[in-house]
Amino acid sequence: MERKPINKIIAFFIFLMMPQVVLLAQETIQSGSSKVVIDVNKGGRVHQLFFGDHPLIFDGHEELAGSVWWPAPQTLWGWPPPKELDIEAYHLKEKTPSKVVVESKECSALGLQLTKEYQLITEHHFQVKYHAKNVSDKSVEFGHWEVSRVPKEGRVIVKVESRFDDNIPLANDKYLYFDHSSFDKIYSKEMKAIDFYVKESDLELPYKNKNKLFVDSEGWVAYVKDTTVFIKIIKNENIKKITPSQGEVEIYVSPILPMVEIEEHSAYQKVKPKETSTWKVDWLMYQISEEDKANVLEWIEGKIKDFKAIN
C-alpha cells in the first residue's frame, strides 16, 4: 500500500484547522496589571480590557460587545453599522509588546478606511488613535464616535460643562424628547455632574423611549466598578462643533443585554479626498480605596488634572 508522506498528512490537518485559527486571531498587549486584548478579525476592536483581575469591557455578545468606532451621525448609515469598519476582519499592520495597529477594508458606501492605533503606554494609560482616511474622490463629512460597552454592574460619572437638555432633532422630522424629571434624578446641581448606578432596574435616562443620555461634558466620562475606575478622556470641544444631533458624551443603557455603552463624539469633520482625520482617546485605569469613593468625583478630577499636567 502506498503511504502518503507524513509532511503531507500534517499539512492536510493544518489546512482543516486554519478556519478555526483565523476566527481566534487576537493580539494582546500588557503592562503591569493592565492587559488589552484586540480582536483583529472582529472589527479590529478592543475585545477586553483587564485592570488587575477585573474585566472592564462587556464581551458577552457576538456583535454588540467590545469597544468600536463608528462614523457619526448614525443617519449616515442607519443600522447595522458599516461592516467593513465595525465587524469585518482588519489587517494587522504592526505589533510590538506595547502597541497594535490594524487597518480596515475600504468602506465604499461612506468613502472611508479606518486605521486603529492602540498603545498601552503605562499600566494606567491606554491610548487609542483613530485615523479615518477619505478614500473617495469627493469630500466626506462625519464625526469620530467611540462606543465602549461595559458591564451593567457599575456607576457612570460625567462632569457637565453646560446643561444640554433640548429635544434632539433626528431624520424624518422626528425627535428624541427630553424628560427633565429623569435628568434631575441623576444630575447634581451642586457638583454639576451626572452620577448614577447602571444596575438599577428602574433606571430611565432622559431621552424618552431610547434610554439615552447626551451630555455637554468637560471632555471625560468615568465608569466605576467596585474599586476600579475607568476614565476616558477626549479633547473638550464646544458643543456647537460636535456632530449634529449628538452630545460630546453619550450613554446608552441596553434594555436587553447586560451592558451599557459609554460613548464619545469628536468635532464634526470635513475631510478632502485622500486626506486623513485623526482623533485620540486616552483611557485611564486606577484602583480606588473605599475611603476615596466617598468623594469619587473630586478624586477623578484630581487624576485627570495630574494626567493632563504631563501629557
C-alpha atoms as a PDB file:
ATOM      1  CA  MET A   1       0.000   0.000   0.000  1.00  0.00           C
ATOM      2  CA  GLU A   2       1.340   3.398  -0.934  1.00  0.00           C
ATOM      3  CA  ARG A   3       1.701   5.674   2.054  1.00  0.00           C
ATOM      4  CA  LYS A   4       1.352   9.442   1.911  1.00  0.00           C
ATOM      5  CA  PRO A   5       4.412  11.283   3.152  1.00  0.00           C
ATOM      6  CA  ILE A   6       3.952  12.306   6.769  1.00  0.00           C
ATOM      7  CA  ASN A   7       4.517  16.003   5.979  1.00  0.00           C
ATOM      8  CA  LYS A   8       1.566  15.983   3.553  1.00  0.00           C
ATOM      9  CA  ILE A   9      -0.686  14.448   6.198  1.00  0.00           C
ATOM     10  CA  ILE A  10       0.359  17.102   8.698  1.00  0.00           C
ATOM     11  CA  ALA A  11      -0.232  19.840   6.126  1.00  0.00           C
ATOM     12  CA  PHE A  12      -3.704  18.435   5.436  1.00  0.00           C
ATOM     13  CA  PHE A  13      -4.692  18.607   9.111  1.00  0.00           C
ATOM     14  CA  ILE A  14      -3.262  22.127   9.426  1.00  0.00           C
ATOM     15  CA  PHE A  15      -5.399  23.141   6.446  1.00  0.00           C
ATOM     16  CA  LEU A  16      -8.509  21.732   8.133  1.00  0.00           C
ATOM     17  CA  MET A  17      -7.751  23.666  11.304  1.00  0.00           C
ATOM     18  CA  MET A  18      -6.971  27.011   9.632  1.00  0.00           C
ATOM     19  CA  PRO A  19     -10.539  28.446   9.680  1.00  0.00           C
ATOM     20  CA  GLN A  20     -10.654  27.919  13.444  1.00  0.00           C
ATOM     21  CA  VAL A  21      -7.297  29.615  13.894  1.00  0.00           C
ATOM     22  CA  VAL A  22      -8.429  32.633  11.877  1.00  0.00           C
ATOM     23  CA  LEU A  23     -11.531  33.030  13.996  1.00  0.00           C
ATOM     24  CA  LEU A  24      -9.418  33.179  17.136  1.00  0.00           C
ATOM     25  CA  ALA A  25      -6.904  35.776  15.880  1.00  0.00           C
ATOM     26  CA  GLN A  26      -6.411  38.107  18.837  1.00  0.00           C
ATOM     27  CA  GLU A  27      -3.469  40.248  19.866  1.00  0.00           C
ATOM     28  CA  THR A  28      -2.602  41.056  23.474  1.00  0.00           C
ATOM     29  CA  ILE A  29      -0.568  43.920  24.900  1.00  0.00           C
ATOM     30  CA  GLN A  30       0.281  44.082  28.577  1.00  0.00           C
ATOM     31  CA  SER A  31       1.908  46.421  31.102  1.00  0.00           C
ATOM     32  CA  GLY A  32       1.981  45.745  34.824  1.00  0.00           C
ATOM     33  CA  SER A  33      -1.527  44.931  35.972  1.00  0.00           C
ATOM     34  CA  SER A  34      -3.174  46.034  32.694  1.00  0.00           C
ATOM     35  CA  LYS A  35      -3.887  43.810  29.709  1.00  0.00           C
ATOM     36  CA  VAL A  36      -5.671  44.711  26.470  1.00  0.00           C
ATOM     37  CA  VAL A  37      -6.999  42.114  24.032  1.00  0.00           C
ATOM     38  CA  ILE A  38      -7.541  43.240  20.425  1.00  0.00           C
ATOM     39  CA  ASP A  39      -9.761  41.110  18.193  1.00  0.00           C
ATOM     40  CA  VAL A  40      -8.188  41.718  14.778  1.00  0.00           C
ATOM     41  CA  ASN A  41     -10.713  39.599  12.908  1.00  0.00           C
ATOM     42  CA  LYS A  42     -13.753  41.187  14.501  1.00  0.00           C
ATOM     43  CA  GLY A  43     -13.558  44.823  13.525  1.00  0.00           C
ATOM     44  CA  GLY A  44     -10.088  45.268  14.998  1.00  0.00           C
ATOM     45  CA  ARG A  45     -11.938  46.124  18.199  1.00  0.00           C
ATOM     46  CA  VAL A  46     -10.876  46.098  21.821  1.00  0.00           C
ATOM     47  CA  HIS A  47     -12.269  42.756  22.906  1.00  0.00           C
ATOM     48  CA  GLN A  48     -11.356  43.132  26.568  1.00  0.00           C
ATOM     49  CA  LEU A  49      -9.514  45.418  28.964  1.00  0.00           C
ATOM     50  CA  PHE A  50      -8.255  43.940  32.220  1.00  0.00           C
ATOM     51  CA  PHE A  51      -7.002  46.002  35.127  1.00  0.00           C
ATOM     52  CA  GLY A  52      -5.672  43.505  37.622  1.00  0.00           C
ATOM     53  CA  ASP A  53      -8.194  40.682  37.638  1.00  0.00           C
ATOM     54  CA  HIS A  54     -11.062  42.995  36.711  1.00  0.00           C
ATOM     55  CA  PRO A  55     -12.503  42.842  33.162  1.00  0.00           C
ATOM     56  CA  LEU A  56     -13.878  46.281  32.279  1.00  0.00           C
ATOM     57  CA  ILE A  57     -15.407  45.598  28.852  1.00  0.00           C
ATOM     58  CA  PHE A  58     -18.603  43.689  28.100  1.00  0.00           C
ATOM     59  CA  ASP A  59     -17.739  40.752  25.806  1.00  0.00           C
ATOM     60  CA  GLY A  60     -20.877  38.645  26.088  1.00  0.00           C
ATOM     61  CA  HIS A  61     -22.345  39.079  22.605  1.00  0.00           C
ATOM     62  CA  GLU A  62     -21.191  38.067  19.140  1.00  0.00           C
ATOM     63  CA  GLU A  63     -21.541  41.558  17.650  1.00  0.00           C
ATOM     64  CA  LEU A  64     -22.683  44.045  20.316  1.00  0.00           C
ATOM     65  CA  ALA A  65     -19.593  43.758  22.502  1.00  0.00           C
ATOM     66  CA  GLY A  66     -16.160  45.280  22.913  1.00  0.00           C
ATOM     67  CA  SER A  67     -15.143  48.826  22.044  1.00  0.00           C
ATOM     68  CA  VAL A  68     -15.672  50.008  18.465  1.00  0.00           C
ATOM     69  CA  TRP A  69     -15.526  53.070  16.208  1.00  0.00           C
ATOM     70  CA  TRP A  70     -18.415  54.354  14.121  1.00  0.00           C
ATOM     71  CA  PRO A  71     -18.797  57.368  11.839  1.00  0.00           C
ATOM     72  CA  ALA A  72     -21.355  59.821  13.216  1.00  0.00           C
ATOM     73  CA  PRO A  73     -24.158  60.616  12.946  1.00  0.00           C
ATOM     74  CA  GLN A  74     -25.968  57.316  12.617  1.00  0.00           C
ATOM     75  CA  THR A  75     -28.139  58.800   9.861  1.00  0.00           C
ATOM     76  CA  LEU A  76     -25.115  58.300   7.573  1.00  0.00           C
ATOM     77  CA  TRP A  77     -25.665  54.546   7.633  1.00  0.00           C
ATOM     78  CA  GLY A  78     -28.828  53.624   9.574  1.00  0.00           C
ATOM     79  CA  TRP A  79     -28.413  50.121  11.017  1.00  0.00           C
ATOM     80  CA  PRO A  80     -26.416  47.901  11.169  1.00  0.00           C
ATOM     81  CA  PRO A  81     -23.100  49.781  11.244  1.00  0.00           C
ATOM     82  CA  PRO A  82     -20.909  49.595   8.115  1.00  0.00           C
ATOM     83  CA  LYS A  83     -19.472  46.098   8.307  1.00  0.00           C
ATOM     84  CA  GLU A  84     -16.053  46.993   6.886  1.00  0.00           C
ATOM     85  CA  LEU A  85     -15.468  49.364   9.820  1.00  0.00           C
ATOM     86  CA  ASP A  86     -17.377  47.616  12.601  1.00  0.00           C
ATOM     87  CA  ILE A  87     -17.316  43.823  12.386  1.00  0.00           C
ATOM     88  CA  GLU A  88     -15.225  42.507   9.464  1.00  0.00           C
ATOM     89  CA  ALA A  89     -11.595  41.464   9.770  1.00  0.00           C
ATOM     90  CA  TYR A  90      -8.901  44.123   9.889  1.00  0.00           C
ATOM     91  CA  HIS A  91      -5.332  43.791   8.629  1.00  0.00           C
ATOM     92  CA  LEU A  92      -2.611  43.675  11.283  1.00  0.00           C
ATOM     93  CA  LYS A  93      -0.089  46.363  10.275  1.00  0.00           C
ATOM     94  CA  GLU A  94       2.121  46.486  13.365  1.00  0.00           C
ATOM     95  CA  LYS A  95       2.598  44.545  16.596  1.00  0.00           C
ATOM     96  CA  THR A  96       5.061  45.273  19.407  1.00  0.00           C
ATOM     97  CA  PRO A  97       4.873  44.360  23.114  1.00  0.00           C
ATOM     98  CA  SER A  98       3.039  47.644  23.810  1.00  0.00           C
ATOM     99  CA  LYS A  99       1.400  48.550  20.512  1.00  0.00           C
ATOM    100  CA  VAL A 100      -1.036  47.139  17.943  1.00  0.00           C
ATOM    101  CA  VAL A 101      -2.006  48.861  14.677  1.00  0.00           C
ATOM    102  CA  VAL A 102      -4.804  47.480  12.488  1.00  0.00           C
ATOM    103  CA  GLU A 103      -6.378  48.678   9.254  1.00  0.00           C
ATOM    104  CA  SER A 104      -9.881  48.099   7.883  1.00  0.00           C
ATOM    105  CA  LYS A 105     -11.000  47.393   4.368  1.00  0.00           C
ATOM    106  CA  GLU A 106     -12.273  50.358   2.386  1.00  0.00           C
ATOM    107  CA  CYS A 107     -15.910  51.169   3.040  1.00  0.00           C
ATOM    108  CA  SER A 108     -17.072  52.260  -0.395  1.00  0.00           C
ATOM    109  CA  ALA A 109     -20.539  53.298   0.821  1.00  0.00           C
ATOM    110  CA  LEU A 110     -19.028  56.015   3.041  1.00  0.00           C
ATOM    111  CA  GLY A 111     -15.703  56.527   1.297  1.00  0.00           C
ATOM    112  CA  LEU A 112     -13.728  55.762   4.452  1.00  0.00           C
ATOM    113  CA  GLN A 113     -10.924  53.466   5.543  1.00  0.00           C
ATOM    114  CA  LEU A 114     -10.024  53.269   9.229  1.00  0.00           C
ATOM    115  CA  THR A 115      -6.720  52.607  10.962  1.00  0.00           C
ATOM    116  CA  LYS A 116      -6.806  51.934  14.710  1.00  0.00           C
ATOM    117  CA  GLU A 117      -3.609  52.538  16.646  1.00  0.00           C
ATOM    118  CA  TYR A 118      -3.593  51.044  20.139  1.00  0.00           C
ATOM    119  CA  GLN A 119      -0.782  51.695  22.620  1.00  0.00           C
ATOM    120  CA  LEU A 120      -0.513  50.665  26.256  1.00  0.00           C
ATOM    121  CA  ILE A 121       1.810  53.440  27.417  1.00  0.00           C
ATOM    122  CA  THR A 122       1.786  52.508  31.119  1.00  0.00           C
ATOM    123  CA  GLU A 123      -0.337  50.170  33.205  1.00  0.00           C
ATOM    124  CA  HIS A 124      -2.580  53.169  33.939  1.00  0.00           C
ATOM    125  CA  HIS A 125      -2.685  54.693  30.447  1.00  0.00           C
ATOM    126  CA  PHE A 126      -4.033  53.098  27.261  1.00  0.00           C
ATOM    127  CA  GLN A 127      -4.200  55.355  24.210  1.00  0.00           C
ATOM    128  CA  VAL A 128      -6.374  54.858  21.135  1.00  0.00           C
ATOM    129  CA  LYS A 129      -5.877  56.815  17.922  1.00  0.00           C
ATOM    130  CA  TYR A 130      -8.383  56.587  15.084  1.00  0.00           C
ATOM    131  CA  HIS A 131      -7.156  57.556  11.613  1.00  0.00           C
ATOM    132  CA  ALA A 132     -10.092  57.872   9.193  1.00  0.00           C
ATOM    133  CA  LYS A 133      -8.924  58.264   5.603  1.00  0.00           C
ATOM    134  CA  ASN A 134     -11.116  59.562   2.808  1.00  0.00           C
ATOM    135  CA  VAL A 135     -10.631  57.013   0.010  1.00  0.00           C
ATOM    136  CA  SER A 136     -13.281  58.535  -2.261  1.00  0.00           C
ATOM    137  CA  ASP A 137     -12.965  61.257  -4.908  1.00  0.00           C
ATOM    138  CA  LYS A 138     -15.096  63.804  -3.040  1.00  0.00           C
ATOM    139  CA  SER A 139     -15.141  65.396   0.410  1.00  0.00           C
ATOM    140  CA  VAL A 140     -16.620  63.317   3.229  1.00  0.00           C
ATOM    141  CA  GLU A 141     -18.341  64.711   6.332  1.00  0.00           C
ATOM    142  CA  PHE A 142     -18.574  62.731   9.576  1.00  0.00           C
ATOM    143  CA  GLY A 143     -17.655  62.737  13.237  1.00  0.00           C
ATOM    144  CA  HIS A 144     -15.499  60.258  15.139  1.00  0.00           C
ATOM    145  CA  TRP A 145     -17.575  58.151  17.524  1.00  0.00           C
ATOM    146  CA  GLU A 146     -16.145  55.677  20.036  1.00  0.00           C
ATOM    147  CA  VAL A 147     -18.566  53.158  21.552  1.00  0.00           C
ATOM    148  CA  SER A 148     -17.290  51.139  24.523  1.00  0.00           C
ATOM    149  CA  ARG A 149     -19.584  48.538  26.074  1.00  0.00           C
ATOM    150  CA  VAL A 150     -19.139  47.973  29.794  1.00  0.00           C
ATOM    151  CA  PRO A 151     -20.945  45.546  32.132  1.00  0.00           C
ATOM    152  CA  LYS A 152     -24.199  46.706  33.659  1.00  0.00           C
ATOM    153  CA  GLU A 153     -22.662  46.478  37.116  1.00  0.00           C
ATOM    154  CA  GLY A 154     -21.123  49.855  37.851  1.00  0.00           C
ATOM    155  CA  ARG A 155     -21.501  53.580  38.162  1.00  0.00           C
ATOM    156  CA  VAL A 156     -21.258  56.241  35.437  1.00  0.00           C
ATOM    157  CA  ILE A 157     -19.971  59.740  36.217  1.00  0.00           C
ATOM    158  CA  VAL A 158     -19.745  62.701  33.810  1.00  0.00           C
ATOM    159  CA  LYS A 159     -18.822  66.280  34.704  1.00  0.00           C
ATOM    160  CA  VAL A 160     -21.265  68.546  32.847  1.00  0.00           C
ATOM    161  CA  GLU A 161     -19.928  71.713  31.232  1.00  0.00           C
ATOM    162  CA  SER A 162     -23.352  73.127  30.433  1.00  0.00           C
ATOM    163  CA  ARG A 163     -26.923  71.883  30.631  1.00  0.00           C
ATOM    164  CA  PHE A 164     -27.743  70.134  27.382  1.00  0.00           C
ATOM    165  CA  ASP A 165     -31.382  69.247  27.746  1.00  0.00           C
ATOM    166  CA  ASP A 166     -33.006  70.073  24.436  1.00  0.00           C
ATOM    167  CA  ASN A 167     -35.094  67.791  22.291  1.00  0.00           C
ATOM    168  CA  ILE A 168     -32.720  66.228  19.753  1.00  0.00           C
ATOM    169  CA  PRO A 169     -33.759  66.548  16.082  1.00  0.00           C
ATOM    170  CA  LEU A 170     -33.446  63.346  14.099  1.00  0.00           C
ATOM    171  CA  ALA A 171     -34.065  62.398  10.499  1.00  0.00           C
ATOM    172  CA  ASN A 172     -37.607  62.432   9.051  1.00  0.00           C
ATOM    173  CA  ASP A 173     -38.719  65.294  11.349  1.00  0.00           C
ATOM    174  CA  LYS A 174     -38.533  63.045  14.419  1.00  0.00           C
ATOM    175  CA  TYR A 175     -37.164  63.992  17.817  1.00  0.00           C
ATOM    176  CA  LEU A 176     -35.705  62.452  20.926  1.00  0.00           C
ATOM    177  CA  TYR A 177     -37.828  64.079  23.621  1.00  0.00           C
ATOM    178  CA  PHE A 178     -36.086  65.155  26.794  1.00  0.00           C
ATOM    179  CA  ASP A 179     -37.595  64.204  30.162  1.00  0.00           C
ATOM    180  CA  HIS A 180     -36.475  66.758  32.759  1.00  0.00           C
ATOM    181  CA  SER A 181     -37.650  64.687  35.721  1.00  0.00           C
ATOM    182  CA  SER A 182     -35.477  61.729  34.658  1.00  0.00           C
ATOM    183  CA  PHE A 183     -32.483  64.013  34.204  1.00  0.00           C
ATOM    184  CA  ASP A 184     -32.896  65.607  37.623  1.00  0.00           C
ATOM    185  CA  LYS A 185     -32.730  62.185  39.285  1.00  0.00           C
ATOM    186  CA  ILE A 186     -29.165  61.601  38.039  1.00  0.00           C
ATOM    187  CA  TYR A 187     -27.826  65.183  37.944  1.00  0.00           C
ATOM    188  CA  SER A 188     -26.265  67.026  40.880  1.00  0.00           C
ATOM    189  CA  LYS A 189     -26.634  70.809  40.532  1.00  0.00           C
ATOM    190  CA  GLU A 190     -24.118  71.339  43.308  1.00  0.00           C
ATOM    191  CA  MET A 191     -21.445  69.143  41.697  1.00  0.00           C
ATOM    192  CA  LYS A 192     -22.531  69.884  38.114  1.00  0.00           C
ATOM    193  CA  ALA A 193     -22.206  66.197  37.343  1.00  0.00           C
ATOM    194  CA  ILE A 194     -24.158  63.184  36.129  1.00  0.00           C
ATOM    195  CA  ASP A 195     -23.789  60.296  38.587  1.00  0.00           C
ATOM    196  CA  PHE A 196     -25.840  57.088  38.533  1.00  0.00           C
ATOM    197  CA  TYR A 197     -25.635  53.326  39.053  1.00  0.00           C
ATOM    198  CA  VAL A 198     -26.383  51.434  35.865  1.00  0.00           C
ATOM    199  CA  LYS A 199     -27.575  48.258  37.582  1.00  0.00           C
ATOM    200  CA  GLU A 200     -30.683  49.928  38.973  1.00  0.00           C
ATOM    201  CA  SER A 201     -33.637  48.108  37.425  1.00  0.00           C
ATOM    202  CA  ASP A 202     -35.838  51.209  37.335  1.00  0.00           C
ATOM    203  CA  LEU A 203     -33.241  53.476  35.714  1.00  0.00           C
ATOM    204  CA  GLU A 204     -34.618  55.619  32.913  1.00  0.00           C
ATOM    205  CA  LEU A 205     -32.326  58.001  31.069  1.00  0.00           C
ATOM    206  CA  PRO A 206     -33.716  61.361  29.958  1.00  0.00           C
ATOM    207  CA  TYR A 207     -34.374  60.749  26.256  1.00  0.00           C
ATOM    208  CA  LYS A 208     -37.741  59.025  26.289  1.00  0.00           C
ATOM    209  CA  ASN A 209     -38.127  55.516  24.880  1.00  0.00           C
ATOM    210  CA  LYS A 210     -34.426  55.363  23.977  1.00  0.00           C
ATOM    211  CA  ASN A 211     -32.726  55.094  27.402  1.00  0.00           C
ATOM    212  CA  LYS A 212     -30.109  57.520  26.125  1.00  0.00           C
ATOM    213  CA  LEU A 213     -28.274  60.464  27.592  1.00  0.00           C
ATOM    214  CA  PHE A 214     -26.443  63.194  25.668  1.00  0.00           C
ATOM    215  CA  VAL A 215     -24.065  65.388  27.671  1.00  0.00           C
ATOM    216  CA  ASP A 216     -22.006  68.511  27.004  1.00  0.00           C
ATOM    217  CA  SER A 217     -19.123  67.259  29.128  1.00  0.00           C
ATOM    218  CA  GLU A 218     -15.788  68.650  30.259  1.00  0.00           C
ATOM    219  CA  GLY A 219     -14.112  66.135  27.954  1.00  0.00           C
ATOM    220  CA  TRP A 220     -14.269  62.994  30.054  1.00  0.00           C
ATOM    221  CA  VAL A 221     -16.535  60.195  31.259  1.00  0.00           C
ATOM    222  CA  ALA A 222     -15.831  57.654  34.015  1.00  0.00           C
ATOM    223  CA  TYR A 223     -17.062  54.170  34.867  1.00  0.00           C
ATOM    224  CA  VAL A 224     -16.564  52.870  38.407  1.00  0.00           C
ATOM    225  CA  LYS A 225     -16.886  49.141  39.052  1.00  0.00           C
ATOM    226  CA  ASP A 226     -16.228  48.036  42.631  1.00  0.00           C
ATOM    227  CA  THR A 227     -12.795  49.543  43.403  1.00  0.00           C
ATOM    228  CA  THR A 228     -11.715  50.015  39.764  1.00  0.00           C
ATOM    229  CA  VAL A 229     -12.045  53.360  37.982  1.00  0.00           C
ATOM    230  CA  PHE A 230     -12.021  53.540  34.165  1.00  0.00           C
ATOM    231  CA  ILE A 231     -11.782  57.075  32.727  1.00  0.00           C
ATOM    232  CA  LYS A 232     -11.991  58.076  29.063  1.00  0.00           C
ATOM    233  CA  ILE A 233     -10.591  61.477  28.080  1.00  0.00           C
ATOM    234  CA  ILE A 234     -11.138  63.331  24.792  1.00  0.00           C
ATOM    235  CA  LYS A 235     -10.465  66.833  23.514  1.00  0.00           C
ATOM    236  CA  ASN A 236     -13.082  69.073  25.097  1.00  0.00           C
ATOM    237  CA  GLU A 237     -14.930  70.733  22.215  1.00  0.00           C
ATOM    238  CA  ASN A 238     -17.548  73.456  22.145  1.00  0.00           C
ATOM    239  CA  ILE A 239     -20.892  71.653  21.893  1.00  0.00           C
ATOM    240  CA  LYS A 240     -21.662  73.595  18.691  1.00  0.00           C
ATOM    241  CA  LYS A 241     -18.719  71.864  16.980  1.00  0.00           C
ATOM    242  CA  ILE A 242     -19.864  68.342  17.890  1.00  0.00           C
ATOM    243  CA  THR A 243     -21.563  66.158  15.279  1.00  0.00           C
ATOM    244  CA  PRO A 244     -25.160  67.345  14.766  1.00  0.00           C
ATOM    245  CA  SER A 245     -27.805  65.611  16.922  1.00  0.00           C
ATOM    246  CA  GLN A 246     -25.122  64.282  19.309  1.00  0.00           C
ATOM    247  CA  GLY A 247     -23.581  65.187  22.641  1.00  0.00           C
ATOM    248  CA  GLU A 248     -19.877  65.219  23.446  1.00  0.00           C
ATOM    249  CA  VAL A 249     -20.590  62.208  25.666  1.00  0.00           C
ATOM    250  CA  GLU A 250     -23.429  59.777  25.060  1.00  0.00           C
ATOM    251  CA  ILE A 251     -24.671  56.992  27.342  1.00  0.00           C
ATOM    252  CA  TYR A 252     -26.954  54.168  26.261  1.00  0.00           C
ATOM    253  CA  VAL A 253     -28.321  51.551  28.654  1.00  0.00           C
ATOM    254  CA  SER A 254     -29.348  48.386  26.821  1.00  0.00           C
ATOM    255  CA  PRO A 255     -32.823  47.111  27.788  1.00  0.00           C
ATOM    256  CA  ILE A 256     -31.895  43.616  26.561  1.00  0.00           C
ATOM    257  CA  LEU A 257     -28.196  42.946  27.115  1.00  0.00           C
ATOM    258  CA  PRO A 258     -26.387  43.349  30.468  1.00  0.00           C
ATOM    259  CA  MET A 259     -24.274  46.211  29.161  1.00  0.00           C
ATOM    260  CA  VAL A 260     -24.040  49.981  28.920  1.00  0.00           C
ATOM    261  CA  GLU A 261     -22.494  51.882  26.028  1.00  0.00           C
ATOM    262  CA  ILE A 262     -20.160  54.690  27.083  1.00  0.00           C
ATOM    263  CA  GLU A 263     -19.630  56.832  24.004  1.00  0.00           C
ATOM    264  CA  GLU A 264     -17.730  59.964  22.998  1.00  0.00           C
ATOM    265  CA  HIS A 265     -18.025  62.197  19.956  1.00  0.00           C
ATOM    266  CA  SER A 266     -15.493  64.403  18.194  1.00  0.00           C
ATOM    267  CA  ALA A 267     -15.967  67.691  16.428  1.00  0.00           C
ATOM    268  CA  TYR A 268     -17.656  67.281  13.060  1.00  0.00           C
ATOM    269  CA  GLN A 269     -15.139  66.753  10.238  1.00  0.00           C
ATOM    270  CA  LYS A 270     -14.991  67.635   6.564  1.00  0.00           C
ATOM    271  CA  VAL A 271     -12.231  65.567   5.022  1.00  0.00           C
ATOM    272  CA  LYS A 272     -10.982  66.100   1.464  1.00  0.00           C
ATOM    273  CA  PRO A 273     -10.140  63.187  -0.866  1.00  0.00           C
ATOM    274  CA  LYS A 274      -7.051  61.211   0.201  1.00  0.00           C
ATOM    275  CA  GLU A 275      -6.771  63.176   3.454  1.00  0.00           C
ATOM    276  CA  THR A 276      -6.953  61.619   6.933  1.00  0.00           C
ATOM    277  CA  SER A 277      -8.685  62.794  10.101  1.00  0.00           C
ATOM    278  CA  THR A 278      -7.099  61.621  13.370  1.00  0.00           C
ATOM    279  CA  TRP A 279      -8.826  61.561  16.755  1.00  0.00           C
ATOM    280  CA  LYS A 280      -7.374  60.428  20.076  1.00  0.00           C
ATOM    281  CA  VAL A 281      -8.992  58.920  23.176  1.00  0.00           C
ATOM    282  CA  ASP A 282      -6.994  58.306  26.349  1.00  0.00           C
ATOM    283  CA  TRP A 283      -8.146  55.540  28.675  1.00  0.00           C
ATOM    284  CA  LEU A 284      -7.022  55.662  32.305  1.00  0.00           C
ATOM    285  CA  MET A 285      -7.354  52.809  34.800  1.00  0.00           C
ATOM    286  CA  TYR A 286      -6.897  53.013  38.569  1.00  0.00           C
ATOM    287  CA  GLN A 287      -7.751  51.325  41.838  1.00  0.00           C
ATOM    288  CA  ILE A 288      -9.645  53.451  44.353  1.00  0.00           C
ATOM    289  CA  SER A 289      -9.986  52.897  48.099  1.00  0.00           C
ATOM    290  CA  GLU A 290     -13.369  52.685  49.780  1.00  0.00           C
ATOM    291  CA  GLU A 291     -12.477  55.863  51.647  1.00  0.00           C
ATOM    292  CA  ASP A 292     -11.776  57.794  48.429  1.00  0.00           C
ATOM    293  CA  LYS A 293     -15.005  56.529  46.862  1.00  0.00           C
ATOM    294  CA  ALA A 294     -16.861  58.796  49.281  1.00  0.00           C
ATOM    295  CA  ASN A 295     -15.510  61.751  47.248  1.00  0.00           C
ATOM    296  CA  VAL A 296     -15.109  59.956  43.939  1.00  0.00           C
ATOM    297  CA  LEU A 297     -15.781  62.957  41.673  1.00  0.00           C
ATOM    298  CA  GLU A 298     -13.072  65.024  43.344  1.00  0.00           C
ATOM    299  CA  TRP A 299     -10.732  62.010  43.214  1.00  0.00           C
ATOM    300  CA  ILE A 300     -11.351  61.505  39.467  1.00  0.00           C
ATOM    301  CA  GLU A 301     -10.820  65.190  38.709  1.00  0.00           C
ATOM    302  CA  GLY A 302      -7.509  65.020  40.570  1.00  0.00           C
ATOM    303  CA  LYS A 303      -6.347  62.058  38.475  1.00  0.00           C
ATOM    304  CA  ILE A 304      -7.350  63.843  35.258  1.00  0.00           C
ATOM    305  CA  LYS A 305      -5.518  67.003  36.324  1.00  0.00           C
ATOM    306  CA  ASP A 306      -2.375  65.020  37.106  1.00  0.00           C
ATOM    307  CA  PHE A 307      -2.616  63.202  33.748  1.00  0.00           C
ATOM    308  CA  LYS A 308      -3.028  66.395  31.728  1.00  0.00           C
ATOM    309  CA  ALA A 309      -0.100  68.016  33.523  1.00  0.00           C
ATOM    310  CA  ILE A 310       2.313  65.540  31.929  1.00  0.00           C
ATOM    311  CA  ASN A 311       0.518  64.667  28.669  1.00  0.00           C
END
